[in-house]
PDB file of all heavy atoms in Angstrom:
ATOM      1  N   GLY A   1      28.995 -68.138 144.269  1.00  0.00           N
ATOM      2  CA  GLY A   1      30.274 -67.409 144.393  1.00  0.00           C
ATOM      3  C   GLY A   1      30.544 -66.901 145.761  1.00  0.00           C
ATOM      4  O   GLY A   1      29.800 -65.977 146.220  1.00  0.00           O
ATOM      5  N   VAL A   2      31.442 -67.511 146.526  1.00  0.00           N
ATOM      6  CA  VAL A   2      31.751 -67.164 147.870  1.00  0.00           C
ATOM      7  C   VAL A   2      33.012 -66.343 147.914  1.00  0.00           C
ATOM      8  O   VAL A   2      34.052 -66.877 147.714  1.00  0.00           O
ATOM      9  CB  VAL A   2      31.807 -68.436 148.806  1.00  0.00           C
ATOM     10  CG1 VAL A   2      32.007 -68.017 150.270  1.00  0.00           C
ATOM     11  CG2 VAL A   2      30.612 -69.349 148.613  1.00  0.00           C
ATOM     12  N   ALA A   3      32.840 -65.051 148.200  1.00  0.00           N
ATOM     13  CA  ALA A   3      34.039 -64.194 148.333  1.00  0.00           C
ATOM     14  C   ALA A   3      34.483 -64.102 149.791  1.00  0.00           C
ATOM     15  O   ALA A   3      33.638 -64.080 150.735  1.00  0.00           O
ATOM     16  CB  ALA A   3      33.678 -62.781 147.850  1.00  0.00           C
ATOM     17  N   MET A   4      35.829 -64.134 149.945  1.00  0.00           N
ATOM     18  CA  MET A   4      36.359 -64.099 151.325  1.00  0.00           C
ATOM     19  C   MET A   4      36.284 -62.645 151.731  1.00  0.00           C
ATOM     20  O   MET A   4      36.606 -61.648 150.957  1.00  0.00           O
ATOM     21  CB  MET A   4      37.870 -64.519 151.344  1.00  0.00           C
ATOM     22  CG  MET A   4      38.059 -66.010 150.869  1.00  0.00           C
ATOM     23  SD  MET A   4      37.330 -67.212 151.941  1.00  0.00           S
ATOM     24  CE  MET A   4      35.872 -67.680 150.948  1.00  0.00           C
ATOM     25  N   ASN A   5      36.019 -62.424 153.030  1.00  0.00           N
ATOM     26  CA  ASN A   5      35.898 -61.027 153.557  1.00  0.00           C
ATOM     27  C   ASN A   5      37.242 -60.353 153.584  1.00  0.00           C
ATOM     28  O   ASN A   5      37.326 -59.146 153.563  1.00  0.00           O
ATOM     29  CB  ASN A   5      35.271 -61.053 154.993  1.00  0.00           C
ATOM     30  CG  ASN A   5      35.007 -59.653 155.454  1.00  0.00           C
ATOM     31  OD1 ASN A   5      34.346 -58.866 154.795  1.00  0.00           O
ATOM     32  ND2 ASN A   5      35.372 -59.402 156.673  1.00  0.00           N
ATOM     33  N   THR A   6      38.251 -61.087 153.581  1.00  0.00           N
ATOM     34  CA  THR A   6      39.657 -60.475 153.520  1.00  0.00           C
ATOM     35  C   THR A   6      39.996 -60.034 152.125  1.00  0.00           C
ATOM     36  O   THR A   6      41.045 -59.395 151.943  1.00  0.00           O
ATOM     37  CB  THR A   6      40.743 -61.564 153.940  1.00  0.00           C
ATOM     38  OG1 THR A   6      40.613 -62.730 153.169  1.00  0.00           O
ATOM     39  CG2 THR A   6      40.537 -61.939 155.376  1.00  0.00           C
ATOM     40  N   GLY A   7      39.179 -60.331 151.179  1.00  0.00           N
ATOM     41  CA  GLY A   7      39.494 -60.048 149.806  1.00  0.00           C
ATOM     42  C   GLY A   7      39.183 -58.622 149.375  1.00  0.00           C
ATOM     43  O   GLY A   7      38.829 -57.679 150.179  1.00  0.00           O
ATOM     44  N   THR A   8      39.285 -58.414 148.088  1.00  0.00           N
ATOM     45  CA  THR A   8      39.030 -57.066 147.512  1.00  0.00           C
ATOM     46  C   THR A   8      37.591 -56.736 147.371  1.00  0.00           C
ATOM     47  O   THR A   8      36.682 -57.616 147.440  1.00  0.00           O
ATOM     48  CB  THR A   8      39.736 -56.973 146.125  1.00  0.00           C
ATOM     49  OG1 THR A   8      39.099 -57.924 145.254  1.00  0.00           O
ATOM     50  CG2 THR A   8      41.201 -57.269 146.190  1.00  0.00           C
ATOM     51  N   VAL A   9      37.318 -55.463 147.217  1.00  0.00           N
ATOM     52  CA  VAL A   9      35.935 -55.021 147.053  1.00  0.00           C
ATOM     53  C   VAL A   9      35.354 -55.614 145.709  1.00  0.00           C
ATOM     54  O   VAL A   9      34.164 -56.028 145.746  1.00  0.00           O
ATOM     55  CB  VAL A   9      35.869 -53.476 146.911  1.00  0.00           C
ATOM     56  CG1 VAL A   9      34.510 -52.983 146.516  1.00  0.00           C
ATOM     57  CG2 VAL A   9      36.293 -52.868 148.250  1.00  0.00           C
ATOM     58  N   ALA A  10      36.153 -55.707 144.700  1.00  0.00           N
ATOM     59  CA  ALA A  10      35.696 -56.289 143.439  1.00  0.00           C
ATOM     60  C   ALA A  10      35.249 -57.747 143.619  1.00  0.00           C
ATOM     61  O   ALA A  10      34.210 -58.132 143.051  1.00  0.00           O
ATOM     62  CB  ALA A  10      36.814 -56.259 142.395  1.00  0.00           C
ATOM     63  N   ALA A  11      35.939 -58.514 144.404  1.00  0.00           N
ATOM     64  CA  ALA A  11      35.638 -59.942 144.663  1.00  0.00           C
ATOM     65  C   ALA A  11      34.289 -59.999 145.413  1.00  0.00           C
ATOM     66  O   ALA A  11      33.385 -60.826 145.129  1.00  0.00           O
ATOM     67  CB  ALA A  11      36.737 -60.635 145.428  1.00  0.00           C
ATOM     68  N   LYS A  12      34.105 -59.123 146.436  1.00  0.00           N
ATOM     69  CA  LYS A  12      32.900 -59.169 147.247  1.00  0.00           C
ATOM     70  C   LYS A  12      31.724 -58.715 146.444  1.00  0.00           C
ATOM     71  O   LYS A  12      30.586 -59.149 146.686  1.00  0.00           O
ATOM     72  CB  LYS A  12      33.117 -58.378 148.517  1.00  0.00           C
ATOM     73  CG  LYS A  12      34.060 -59.058 149.545  1.00  0.00           C
ATOM     74  CD  LYS A  12      34.020 -58.388 150.904  1.00  0.00           C
ATOM     75  CE  LYS A  12      34.832 -57.124 150.929  1.00  0.00           C
ATOM     76  NZ  LYS A  12      34.930 -56.600 152.349  1.00  0.00           N
ATOM     77  N   GLU A  13      31.907 -57.825 145.555  1.00  0.00           N
ATOM     78  CA  GLU A  13      30.816 -57.336 144.731  1.00  0.00           C
ATOM     79  C   GLU A  13      30.350 -58.378 143.718  1.00  0.00           C
ATOM     80  O   GLU A  13      29.209 -58.481 143.352  1.00  0.00           O
ATOM     81  CB  GLU A  13      31.207 -56.088 143.993  1.00  0.00           C
ATOM     82  CG  GLU A  13      31.347 -54.822 144.861  1.00  0.00           C
ATOM     83  CD  GLU A  13      30.011 -54.343 145.447  1.00  0.00           C
ATOM     84  OE1 GLU A  13      28.990 -54.619 144.873  1.00  0.00           O
ATOM     85  OE2 GLU A  13      30.086 -53.647 146.436  1.00  0.00           O
ATOM     86  N   ALA A  14      31.302 -59.196 143.199  1.00  0.00           N
ATOM     87  CA  ALA A  14      31.063 -60.206 142.189  1.00  0.00           C
ATOM     88  C   ALA A  14      30.363 -61.468 142.753  1.00  0.00           C
ATOM     89  O   ALA A  14      29.562 -62.087 142.111  1.00  0.00           O
ATOM     90  CB  ALA A  14      32.364 -60.618 141.464  1.00  0.00           C
ATOM     91  N   GLY A  15      30.791 -61.860 143.974  1.00  0.00           N
ATOM     92  CA  GLY A  15      30.174 -63.041 144.544  1.00  0.00           C
ATOM     93  C   GLY A  15      28.734 -62.843 145.011  1.00  0.00           C
ATOM     94  O   GLY A  15      28.276 -61.687 145.188  1.00  0.00           O
ATOM     95  N   ASN A  16      27.990 -63.920 145.164  1.00  0.00           N
ATOM     96  CA  ASN A  16      26.721 -63.847 145.772  1.00  0.00           C
ATOM     97  C   ASN A  16      26.579 -64.256 147.256  1.00  0.00           C
ATOM     98  O   ASN A  16      25.561 -64.385 147.803  1.00  0.00           O
ATOM     99  CB  ASN A  16      25.655 -64.624 144.868  1.00  0.00           C
ATOM    100  CG  ASN A  16      26.068 -65.998 144.518  1.00  0.00           C
ATOM    101  OD1 ASN A  16      26.844 -66.601 145.289  1.00  0.00           O
ATOM    102  ND2 ASN A  16      25.690 -66.460 143.406  1.00  0.00           N
ATOM    103  N   MET A  17      27.766 -64.525 147.793  1.00  0.00           N
ATOM    104  CA  MET A  17      27.911 -64.737 149.247  1.00  0.00           C
ATOM    105  C   MET A  17      29.241 -64.141 149.693  1.00  0.00           C
ATOM    106  O   MET A  17      30.243 -64.091 148.869  1.00  0.00           O
ATOM    107  CB  MET A  17      27.901 -66.283 149.630  1.00  0.00           C
ATOM    108  CG  MET A  17      26.571 -66.922 149.367  1.00  0.00           C
ATOM    109  SD  MET A  17      26.627 -68.645 150.046  1.00  0.00           S
ATOM    110  CE  MET A  17      25.065 -69.245 149.443  1.00  0.00           C
ATOM    111  N   VAL A  18      29.329 -63.691 150.943  1.00  0.00           N
ATOM    112  CA  VAL A  18      30.528 -63.204 151.555  1.00  0.00           C
ATOM    113  C   VAL A  18      30.740 -63.978 152.812  1.00  0.00           C
ATOM    114  O   VAL A  18      29.876 -63.957 153.685  1.00  0.00           O
ATOM    115  CB  VAL A  18      30.515 -61.665 151.770  1.00  0.00           C
ATOM    116  CG1 VAL A  18      31.785 -61.254 152.467  1.00  0.00           C
ATOM    117  CG2 VAL A  18      30.322 -60.919 150.481  1.00  0.00           C
ATOM    118  N   ASP A  19      31.928 -64.610 152.922  1.00  0.00           N
ATOM    119  CA  ASP A  19      32.297 -65.330 154.155  1.00  0.00           C
ATOM    120  C   ASP A  19      33.114 -64.367 155.052  1.00  0.00           C
ATOM    121  O   ASP A  19      34.249 -64.046 154.763  1.00  0.00           O
ATOM    122  CB  ASP A  19      33.132 -66.576 153.822  1.00  0.00           C
ATOM    123  CG  ASP A  19      33.552 -67.329 155.078  1.00  0.00           C
ATOM    124  OD1 ASP A  19      33.015 -67.066 156.143  1.00  0.00           O
ATOM    125  OD2 ASP A  19      34.448 -68.145 154.937  1.00  0.00           O
ATOM    126  N   LEU A  20      32.460 -63.939 156.202  1.00  0.00           N
ATOM    127  CA  LEU A  20      33.140 -63.016 157.075  1.00  0.00           C
ATOM    128  C   LEU A  20      34.391 -63.602 157.779  1.00  0.00           C
ATOM    129  O   LEU A  20      35.255 -62.875 158.197  1.00  0.00           O
ATOM    130  CB  LEU A  20      32.177 -62.471 158.123  1.00  0.00           C
ATOM    131  CG  LEU A  20      30.900 -61.766 157.518  1.00  0.00           C
ATOM    132  CD1 LEU A  20      30.055 -61.310 158.716  1.00  0.00           C
ATOM    133  CD2 LEU A  20      31.362 -60.612 156.633  1.00  0.00           C
ATOM    134  N   ASP A  21      34.441 -64.925 157.854  1.00  0.00           N
ATOM    135  CA  ASP A  21      35.573 -65.593 158.491  1.00  0.00           C
ATOM    136  C   ASP A  21      36.694 -65.943 157.555  1.00  0.00           C
ATOM    137  O   ASP A  21      37.734 -66.389 157.934  1.00  0.00           O
ATOM    138  CB  ASP A  21      35.104 -66.878 159.219  1.00  0.00           C
ATOM    139  CG  ASP A  21      34.166 -66.638 160.346  1.00  0.00           C
ATOM    140  OD1 ASP A  21      34.365 -65.550 160.994  1.00  0.00           O
ATOM    141  OD2 ASP A  21      33.305 -67.447 160.644  1.00  0.00           O
ATOM    142  N   SER A  22      36.417 -65.739 156.201  1.00  0.00           N
ATOM    143  CA  SER A  22      37.432 -66.039 155.184  1.00  0.00           C
ATOM    144  C   SER A  22      37.896 -67.513 155.327  1.00  0.00           C
ATOM    145  O   SER A  22      39.087 -67.730 155.228  1.00  0.00           O
ATOM    146  CB  SER A  22      38.592 -65.079 155.274  1.00  0.00           C
ATOM    147  OG  SER A  22      38.118 -63.772 155.048  1.00  0.00           O
ATOM    148  N   ASP A  23      36.985 -68.389 155.526  1.00  0.00           N
ATOM    149  CA  ASP A  23      37.281 -69.859 155.610  1.00  0.00           C
ATOM    150  C   ASP A  23      36.637 -70.559 154.427  1.00  0.00           C
ATOM    151  O   ASP A  23      35.404 -70.718 154.412  1.00  0.00           O
ATOM    152  CB  ASP A  23      36.674 -70.394 156.893  1.00  0.00           C
ATOM    153  CG  ASP A  23      36.928 -71.911 157.075  1.00  0.00           C
ATOM    154  OD1 ASP A  23      37.612 -72.472 156.259  1.00  0.00           O
ATOM    155  OD2 ASP A  23      36.288 -72.454 158.003  1.00  0.00           O
ATOM    156  N   PRO A  24      37.426 -71.035 153.415  1.00  0.00           N
ATOM    157  CA  PRO A  24      36.815 -71.610 152.261  1.00  0.00           C
ATOM    158  C   PRO A  24      36.047 -72.866 152.536  1.00  0.00           C
ATOM    159  O   PRO A  24      35.110 -73.178 151.784  1.00  0.00           O
ATOM    160  CB  PRO A  24      38.067 -71.895 151.361  1.00  0.00           C
ATOM    161  CG  PRO A  24      39.189 -71.972 152.268  1.00  0.00           C
ATOM    162  CD  PRO A  24      38.893 -70.987 153.444  1.00  0.00           C
ATOM    163  N   THR A  25      36.395 -73.552 153.528  1.00  0.00           N
ATOM    164  CA  THR A  25      35.647 -74.829 153.883  1.00  0.00           C
ATOM    165  C   THR A  25      34.317 -74.505 154.489  1.00  0.00           C
ATOM    166  O   THR A  25      33.553 -75.426 154.791  1.00  0.00           O
ATOM    167  CB  THR A  25      36.498 -75.701 154.821  1.00  0.00           C
ATOM    168  OG1 THR A  25      36.726 -75.043 156.044  1.00  0.00           O
ATOM    169  CG2 THR A  25      37.797 -76.036 154.157  1.00  0.00           C
ATOM    170  N   LYS A  26      34.043 -73.242 154.726  1.00  0.00           N
ATOM    171  CA  LYS A  26      32.677 -72.797 155.202  1.00  0.00           C
ATOM    172  C   LYS A  26      31.636 -73.329 154.259  1.00  0.00           C
ATOM    173  O   LYS A  26      30.442 -73.358 154.578  1.00  0.00           O
ATOM    174  CB  LYS A  26      32.670 -71.317 155.382  1.00  0.00           C
ATOM    175  CG  LYS A  26      31.406 -70.754 156.022  1.00  0.00           C
ATOM    176  CD  LYS A  26      31.359 -71.069 157.556  1.00  0.00           C
ATOM    177  CE  LYS A  26      32.415 -70.280 158.233  1.00  0.00           C
ATOM    178  NZ  LYS A  26      32.240 -68.854 158.240  1.00  0.00           N
ATOM    179  N   LEU A  27      31.994 -73.581 152.913  1.00  0.00           N
ATOM    180  CA  LEU A  27      31.016 -74.018 151.997  1.00  0.00           C
ATOM    181  C   LEU A  27      30.263 -75.322 152.431  1.00  0.00           C
ATOM    182  O   LEU A  27      29.178 -75.578 152.035  1.00  0.00           O
ATOM    183  CB  LEU A  27      31.684 -74.302 150.646  1.00  0.00           C
ATOM    184  CG  LEU A  27      30.651 -74.484 149.491  1.00  0.00           C
ATOM    185  CD1 LEU A  27      30.021 -73.285 149.046  1.00  0.00           C
ATOM    186  CD2 LEU A  27      31.332 -75.233 148.283  1.00  0.00           C
ATOM    187  N   ILE A  28      30.942 -76.071 153.305  1.00  0.00           N
ATOM    188  CA  ILE A  28      30.327 -77.266 153.903  1.00  0.00           C
ATOM    189  C   ILE A  28      29.105 -76.856 154.585  1.00  0.00           C
ATOM    190  O   ILE A  28      27.989 -77.425 154.452  1.00  0.00           O
ATOM    191  CB  ILE A  28      31.274 -78.066 154.807  1.00  0.00           C
ATOM    192  CG1 ILE A  28      32.355 -78.691 154.005  1.00  0.00           C
ATOM    193  CG2 ILE A  28      30.493 -79.078 155.592  1.00  0.00           C
ATOM    194  CD1 ILE A  28      33.430 -79.370 154.843  1.00  0.00           C
ATOM    195  N   ASP A  29      29.177 -75.780 155.415  1.00  0.00           N
ATOM    196  CA  ASP A  29      28.026 -75.276 156.147  1.00  0.00           C
ATOM    197  C   ASP A  29      26.997 -74.716 155.211  1.00  0.00           C
ATOM    198  O   ASP A  29      25.783 -74.911 155.368  1.00  0.00           O
ATOM    199  CB  ASP A  29      28.436 -74.165 157.139  1.00  0.00           C
ATOM    200  CG  ASP A  29      29.384 -74.685 158.249  1.00  0.00           C
ATOM    201  OD1 ASP A  29      29.183 -75.825 158.629  1.00  0.00           O
ATOM    202  OD2 ASP A  29      30.276 -73.931 158.610  1.00  0.00           O
ATOM    203  N   VAL A  30      27.393 -74.048 154.124  1.00  0.00           N
ATOM    204  CA  VAL A  30      26.504 -73.458 153.254  1.00  0.00           C
ATOM    205  C   VAL A  30      25.745 -74.604 152.466  1.00  0.00           C
ATOM    206  O   VAL A  30      24.507 -74.455 152.246  1.00  0.00           O
ATOM    207  CB  VAL A  30      27.255 -72.601 152.179  1.00  0.00           C
ATOM    208  CG1 VAL A  30      26.299 -72.014 151.109  1.00  0.00           C
ATOM    209  CG2 VAL A  30      27.936 -71.431 152.845  1.00  0.00           C
TER     210      VAL A  30
END
């Protein structure tokens, strides 16, 4: 679960990763 850093606190708490750049394609790097 990759939460965007621009998102809500609830989203960041629920995910097991946080992308500080809020770039969904960062999953390629992950």
